[in-house]
Amino acid sequence: MSIFAGTELYTEPTCDLCGEIENECVCEPVPAEAKPPGKQTARLSIEKRKRGKMVTVVRGLAEGHPAPHFANLLTGIKNHVGAGGSIQDEQIEIQGDQLERVKSFLAGLGFKVK
């Protein structure tokens, strides 16, 4: 029970994923724990996009991480390499040829890297 329950300051608890009130939320429950990094293999590659832009792609980590943890991993990689990036189709894309930097970062976290 909340301190503010029954007052005008009380707000219903909401789901972190969809923003709906917890009683009305239809999201699937997030697994309690992701696979440990040592049991996951990150597959890194460099891809060339239109206009000659290079992108470092990290595959193979989405199934072991719930969405919020996957987004935090992206943020950590972006901060480490000093480049932008995004999540596209359950893979992480980092701008530029950052293969060695991403590889060292993920290895430092304990992931197997290929």
N, C-alpha and C. Protein backbone atom coordinates (compact mmCIF):
# COMPACT_ATOMS: atom_id res chain seq x y z
N MET A 1 0.84 -1.17 0.00
CA MET A 1 0.00 0.00 0.00
C MET A 1 0.89 1.23 0.00
N SER A 2 0.49 2.23 -0.75
CA SER A 2 1.27 3.45 -0.92
C SER A 2 0.98 4.45 0.20
N ILE A 3 1.92 5.31 0.42
CA ILE A 3 1.74 6.37 1.43
C ILE A 3 0.59 7.28 1.02
N PHE A 4 0.46 7.50 -0.29
CA PHE A 4 -0.54 8.45 -0.80
C PHE A 4 -1.88 7.80 -1.13
N ALA A 5 -2.05 6.51 -0.85
CA ALA A 5 -3.30 5.83 -1.17
C ALA A 5 -4.46 6.53 -0.47
N GLY A 6 -5.49 6.81 -1.26
CA GLY A 6 -6.68 7.45 -0.72
C GLY A 6 -6.61 8.97 -0.76
N THR A 7 -5.53 9.55 -1.23
CA THR A 7 -5.42 11.01 -1.33
C THR A 7 -5.41 11.41 -2.80
N GLU A 8 -5.45 12.70 -3.04
CA GLU A 8 -5.45 13.20 -4.42
C GLU A 8 -4.09 13.02 -5.11
N LEU A 9 -3.04 12.75 -4.35
CA LEU A 9 -1.70 12.58 -4.91
C LEU A 9 -1.42 11.16 -5.37
N TYR A 10 -2.32 10.23 -5.09
CA TYR A 10 -2.11 8.83 -5.42
C TYR A 10 -2.27 8.59 -6.91
N THR A 11 -1.34 7.83 -7.50
CA THR A 11 -1.46 7.39 -8.88
C THR A 11 -1.33 5.88 -8.91
N GLU A 12 -2.06 5.25 -9.80
CA GLU A 12 -2.02 3.80 -9.94
C GLU A 12 -0.64 3.39 -10.45
N PRO A 13 -0.09 2.27 -9.99
CA PRO A 13 1.18 1.78 -10.55
C PRO A 13 1.00 1.37 -12.00
N THR A 14 1.99 1.69 -12.84
CA THR A 14 1.88 1.39 -14.26
C THR A 14 2.98 0.42 -14.69
N CYS A 15 2.74 -0.24 -15.81
CA CYS A 15 3.70 -1.17 -16.40
C CYS A 15 4.87 -0.39 -16.99
N ASP A 16 6.10 -0.87 -16.78
CA ASP A 16 7.27 -0.19 -17.31
C ASP A 16 7.37 -0.31 -18.83
N LEU A 17 6.81 -1.35 -19.40
CA LEU A 17 6.94 -1.58 -20.84
C LEU A 17 5.88 -0.86 -21.66
N CYS A 18 4.60 -0.99 -21.28
CA CYS A 18 3.55 -0.42 -22.11
C CYS A 18 2.93 0.86 -21.54
N GLY A 19 3.13 1.12 -20.25
CA GLY A 19 2.59 2.34 -19.65
C GLY A 19 1.17 2.21 -19.15
N GLU A 20 0.54 1.06 -19.34
CA GLU A 20 -0.83 0.84 -18.86
C GLU A 20 -0.83 0.60 -17.35
N ILE A 21 -1.99 0.77 -16.73
CA ILE A 21 -2.15 0.46 -15.31
C ILE A 21 -1.90 -1.03 -15.14
N GLU A 22 -1.19 -1.41 -14.07
CA GLU A 22 -0.77 -2.81 -13.88
C GLU A 22 -1.93 -3.79 -13.95
N ASN A 23 -3.11 -3.43 -13.47
CA ASN A 23 -4.26 -4.34 -13.50
C ASN A 23 -4.76 -4.57 -14.92
N GLU A 24 -4.54 -3.60 -15.83
CA GLU A 24 -5.03 -3.70 -17.21
C GLU A 24 -3.94 -4.09 -18.20
N CYS A 25 -2.72 -4.27 -17.74
CA CYS A 25 -1.58 -4.58 -18.61
C CYS A 25 -1.72 -5.98 -19.19
N VAL A 26 -1.40 -6.12 -20.48
CA VAL A 26 -1.46 -7.42 -21.15
C VAL A 26 -0.08 -7.88 -21.62
N CYS A 27 0.97 -7.23 -21.17
CA CYS A 27 2.34 -7.60 -21.56
C CYS A 27 2.68 -8.98 -21.00
N GLU A 28 3.53 -9.70 -21.76
CA GLU A 28 4.02 -10.97 -21.26
C GLU A 28 5.03 -10.69 -20.16
N PRO A 29 5.07 -11.51 -19.12
CA PRO A 29 6.03 -11.27 -18.06
C PRO A 29 7.46 -11.41 -18.58
N VAL A 30 8.31 -10.52 -18.12
CA VAL A 30 9.72 -10.55 -18.49
C VAL A 30 10.40 -11.64 -17.67
N PRO A 31 11.27 -12.44 -18.28
CA PRO A 31 11.96 -13.47 -17.51
C PRO A 31 12.72 -12.84 -16.34
N ALA A 32 12.73 -13.54 -15.23
CA ALA A 32 13.35 -12.98 -14.03
C ALA A 32 14.83 -12.69 -14.22
N GLU A 33 15.48 -13.49 -15.02
CA GLU A 33 16.92 -13.31 -15.16
C GLU A 33 17.35 -13.65 -16.58
N ALA A 34 18.23 -12.82 -17.14
CA ALA A 34 18.77 -13.09 -18.46
C ALA A 34 19.84 -14.17 -18.37
N LYS A 35 20.17 -14.75 -19.52
CA LYS A 35 21.27 -15.70 -19.54
C LYS A 35 22.54 -14.99 -19.10
N PRO A 36 23.41 -15.66 -18.38
CA PRO A 36 24.67 -15.01 -18.01
C PRO A 36 25.52 -14.77 -19.25
N PRO A 37 26.33 -13.71 -19.25
CA PRO A 37 27.13 -13.38 -20.44
C PRO A 37 28.01 -14.52 -20.93
N GLY A 38 28.54 -15.34 -20.03
CA GLY A 38 29.41 -16.44 -20.44
C GLY A 38 28.72 -17.50 -21.27
N LYS A 39 27.38 -17.52 -21.24
CA LYS A 39 26.62 -18.52 -22.00
C LYS A 39 26.04 -17.95 -23.28
N GLN A 40 26.44 -16.72 -23.63
CA GLN A 40 25.95 -16.08 -24.84
C GLN A 40 27.11 -15.78 -25.77
N THR A 41 26.88 -15.91 -27.06
CA THR A 41 27.90 -15.62 -28.05
C THR A 41 27.45 -14.46 -28.91
N ALA A 42 28.24 -13.40 -28.93
CA ALA A 42 27.97 -12.25 -29.78
C ALA A 42 28.66 -12.45 -31.11
N ARG A 43 27.94 -12.30 -32.18
CA ARG A 43 28.52 -12.43 -33.52
C ARG A 43 28.63 -11.03 -34.11
N LEU A 44 29.86 -10.60 -34.34
CA LEU A 44 30.12 -9.25 -34.83
C LEU A 44 30.43 -9.27 -36.32
N SER A 45 30.00 -8.24 -37.02
CA SER A 45 30.33 -8.10 -38.43
C SER A 45 30.28 -6.63 -38.82
N ILE A 46 30.92 -6.33 -39.94
CA ILE A 46 30.90 -4.99 -40.51
C ILE A 46 30.07 -5.07 -41.79
N GLU A 47 29.12 -4.15 -41.94
CA GLU A 47 28.30 -4.11 -43.15
C GLU A 47 28.42 -2.73 -43.78
N LYS A 48 28.37 -2.72 -45.08
CA LYS A 48 28.43 -1.46 -45.82
C LYS A 48 27.01 -1.08 -46.22
N ARG A 49 26.62 0.12 -45.89
CA ARG A 49 25.28 0.61 -46.19
C ARG A 49 25.33 1.56 -47.38
N LYS A 50 24.19 2.12 -47.70
CA LYS A 50 24.13 3.03 -48.84
C LYS A 50 25.05 4.23 -48.62
N ARG A 51 25.52 4.76 -49.70
CA ARG A 51 26.45 5.89 -49.70
C ARG A 51 27.77 5.55 -49.02
N GLY A 52 28.13 4.27 -48.95
CA GLY A 52 29.43 3.87 -48.42
C GLY A 52 29.58 3.92 -46.92
N LYS A 53 28.49 4.07 -46.18
CA LYS A 53 28.57 4.12 -44.71
C LYS A 53 28.81 2.73 -44.16
N MET A 54 29.70 2.64 -43.17
CA MET A 54 30.01 1.37 -42.52
C MET A 54 29.23 1.27 -41.20
N VAL A 55 28.79 0.07 -40.87
CA VAL A 55 28.02 -0.19 -39.66
C VAL A 55 28.56 -1.47 -39.02
N THR A 56 28.80 -1.42 -37.71
CA THR A 56 29.19 -2.60 -36.96
C THR A 56 27.91 -3.24 -36.41
N VAL A 57 27.69 -4.51 -36.68
CA VAL A 57 26.46 -5.20 -36.30
C VAL A 57 26.78 -6.28 -35.27
N VAL A 58 26.00 -6.29 -34.17
CA VAL A 58 26.13 -7.30 -33.12
C VAL A 58 24.87 -8.15 -33.14
N ARG A 59 25.03 -9.44 -33.40
CA ARG A 59 23.88 -10.36 -33.45
C ARG A 59 24.04 -11.42 -32.36
N GLY A 60 22.92 -12.05 -32.00
CA GLY A 60 22.96 -13.21 -31.11
C GLY A 60 22.78 -12.91 -29.64
N LEU A 61 22.48 -11.68 -29.27
CA LEU A 61 22.32 -11.36 -27.85
C LEU A 61 20.88 -11.07 -27.45
N ALA A 62 19.99 -10.85 -28.39
CA ALA A 62 18.62 -10.44 -28.07
C ALA A 62 17.85 -11.50 -27.31
N GLU A 63 18.01 -12.78 -27.67
CA GLU A 63 17.21 -13.83 -27.02
C GLU A 63 17.62 -14.04 -25.57
N GLY A 64 18.82 -13.62 -25.20
CA GLY A 64 19.27 -13.80 -23.82
C GLY A 64 19.00 -12.61 -22.93
N HIS A 65 18.51 -11.51 -23.52
CA HIS A 65 18.29 -10.29 -22.74
C HIS A 65 16.85 -9.81 -22.88
N PRO A 66 16.18 -9.48 -21.78
CA PRO A 66 14.90 -8.80 -21.88
C PRO A 66 15.12 -7.41 -22.47
N ALA A 67 14.08 -6.82 -23.03
CA ALA A 67 14.19 -5.55 -23.75
C ALA A 67 14.89 -4.43 -22.96
N PRO A 68 14.56 -4.18 -21.69
CA PRO A 68 15.25 -3.09 -20.99
C PRO A 68 16.74 -3.35 -20.84
N HIS A 69 17.14 -4.60 -20.60
CA HIS A 69 18.55 -4.92 -20.45
C HIS A 69 19.28 -4.80 -21.79
N PHE A 70 18.60 -5.14 -22.87
CA PHE A 70 19.18 -5.04 -24.20
C PHE A 70 19.44 -3.58 -24.55
N ALA A 71 18.50 -2.70 -24.19
CA ALA A 71 18.68 -1.27 -24.41
C ALA A 71 19.84 -0.73 -23.58
N ASN A 72 19.99 -1.21 -22.36
CA ASN A 72 21.11 -0.78 -21.51
C ASN A 72 22.44 -1.25 -22.09
N LEU A 73 22.47 -2.43 -22.68
CA LEU A 73 23.68 -2.93 -23.33
C LEU A 73 24.05 -2.03 -24.50
N LEU A 74 23.06 -1.63 -25.29
CA LEU A 74 23.29 -0.71 -26.40
C LEU A 74 23.89 0.59 -25.89
N THR A 75 23.34 1.14 -24.83
CA THR A 75 23.84 2.39 -24.27
C THR A 75 25.29 2.24 -23.81
N GLY A 76 25.61 1.13 -23.16
CA GLY A 76 26.98 0.89 -22.72
C GLY A 76 27.95 0.82 -23.88
N ILE A 77 27.55 0.14 -24.96
CA ILE A 77 28.42 0.03 -26.13
C ILE A 77 28.62 1.41 -26.76
N LYS A 78 27.53 2.16 -26.92
CA LYS A 78 27.64 3.49 -27.53
C LYS A 78 28.56 4.40 -26.72
N ASN A 79 28.44 4.35 -25.41
CA ASN A 79 29.30 5.18 -24.56
C ASN A 79 30.76 4.75 -24.65
N HIS A 80 30.99 3.45 -24.73
CA HIS A 80 32.37 2.94 -24.78
C HIS A 80 33.07 3.32 -26.07
N VAL A 81 32.38 3.18 -27.20
CA VAL A 81 33.02 3.45 -28.49
C VAL A 81 32.90 4.90 -28.92
N GLY A 82 32.01 5.66 -28.32
CA GLY A 82 31.85 7.07 -28.69
C GLY A 82 31.19 7.25 -30.04
N ALA A 83 30.21 6.41 -30.34
CA ALA A 83 29.50 6.49 -31.62
C ALA A 83 28.02 6.24 -31.39
N GLY A 84 27.21 6.63 -32.35
CA GLY A 84 25.78 6.39 -32.27
C GLY A 84 25.44 4.96 -32.61
N GLY A 85 24.22 4.58 -32.33
CA GLY A 85 23.78 3.24 -32.64
C GLY A 85 22.31 3.07 -32.37
N SER A 86 21.78 1.91 -32.75
CA SER A 86 20.36 1.63 -32.54
C SER A 86 20.15 0.12 -32.50
N ILE A 87 18.91 -0.25 -32.15
CA ILE A 87 18.50 -1.65 -32.17
C ILE A 87 17.58 -1.83 -33.37
N GLN A 88 17.97 -2.72 -34.27
CA GLN A 88 17.19 -3.01 -35.47
C GLN A 88 17.01 -4.51 -35.59
N ASP A 89 15.78 -4.98 -35.60
CA ASP A 89 15.48 -6.41 -35.80
C ASP A 89 16.28 -7.31 -34.87
N GLU A 90 16.25 -7.02 -33.59
CA GLU A 90 16.93 -7.81 -32.54
C GLU A 90 18.44 -7.89 -32.75
N GLN A 91 19.02 -6.86 -33.31
CA GLN A 91 20.47 -6.77 -33.42
C GLN A 91 20.87 -5.33 -33.12
N ILE A 92 22.08 -5.17 -32.64
CA ILE A 92 22.59 -3.84 -32.32
C ILE A 92 23.43 -3.36 -33.48
N GLU A 93 23.17 -2.13 -33.94
CA GLU A 93 23.95 -1.53 -35.01
C GLU A 93 24.65 -0.30 -34.46
N ILE A 94 25.97 -0.26 -34.64
CA ILE A 94 26.79 0.86 -34.20
C ILE A 94 27.38 1.54 -35.43
N GLN A 95 27.32 2.85 -35.47
CA GLN A 95 27.82 3.59 -36.63
C GLN A 95 29.33 3.47 -36.75
N GLY A 96 29.80 3.21 -37.96
CA GLY A 96 31.22 3.17 -38.24
C GLY A 96 31.84 1.80 -38.07
N ASP A 97 33.11 1.72 -38.40
CA ASP A 97 33.88 0.48 -38.27
C ASP A 97 34.44 0.43 -36.85
N GLN A 98 33.68 -0.10 -35.92
CA GLN A 98 34.02 -0.12 -34.49
C GLN A 98 34.24 -1.55 -34.00
N LEU A 99 34.61 -2.44 -34.90
CA LEU A 99 34.67 -3.86 -34.58
C LEU A 99 35.56 -4.16 -33.37
N GLU A 100 36.78 -3.66 -33.35
CA GLU A 100 37.70 -3.97 -32.25
C GLU A 100 37.24 -3.38 -30.92
N ARG A 101 36.70 -2.17 -30.96
CA ARG A 101 36.23 -1.54 -29.72
C ARG A 101 35.04 -2.28 -29.13
N VAL A 102 34.08 -2.65 -29.98
CA VAL A 102 32.90 -3.37 -29.51
C VAL A 102 33.32 -4.75 -29.00
N LYS A 103 34.25 -5.39 -29.72
CA LYS A 103 34.73 -6.71 -29.32
C LYS A 103 35.36 -6.66 -27.94
N SER A 104 36.21 -5.67 -27.68
CA SER A 104 36.87 -5.57 -26.37
C SER A 104 35.86 -5.25 -25.27
N PHE A 105 34.86 -4.43 -25.57
CA PHE A 105 33.84 -4.09 -24.58
C PHE A 105 33.03 -5.31 -24.18
N LEU A 106 32.55 -6.06 -25.18
CA LEU A 106 31.74 -7.24 -24.89
C LEU A 106 32.55 -8.33 -24.20
N ALA A 107 33.80 -8.50 -24.61
CA ALA A 107 34.67 -9.48 -23.95
C ALA A 107 34.91 -9.08 -22.49
N GLY A 108 35.02 -7.79 -22.23
CA GLY A 108 35.19 -7.30 -20.87
C GLY A 108 33.98 -7.59 -19.99
N LEU A 109 32.80 -7.65 -20.60
CA LEU A 109 31.58 -7.98 -19.86
C LEU A 109 31.42 -9.48 -19.67
N GLY A 110 32.24 -10.27 -20.36
CA GLY A 110 32.19 -11.72 -20.19
C GLY A 110 31.52 -12.46 -21.33
N PHE A 111 31.10 -11.78 -22.39
CA PHE A 111 30.47 -12.44 -23.52
C PHE A 111 31.51 -13.16 -24.37
N LYS A 112 31.10 -14.27 -24.97
CA LYS A 112 31.94 -14.91 -25.98
C LYS A 112 31.74 -14.12 -27.27
N VAL A 113 32.83 -13.83 -27.97
CA VAL A 113 32.73 -12.99 -29.17
C VAL A 113 33.32 -13.73 -30.36
N LYS A 114 32.56 -13.76 -31.46
CA LYS A 114 33.04 -14.35 -32.71
C LYS A 114 33.00 -13.30 -33.78
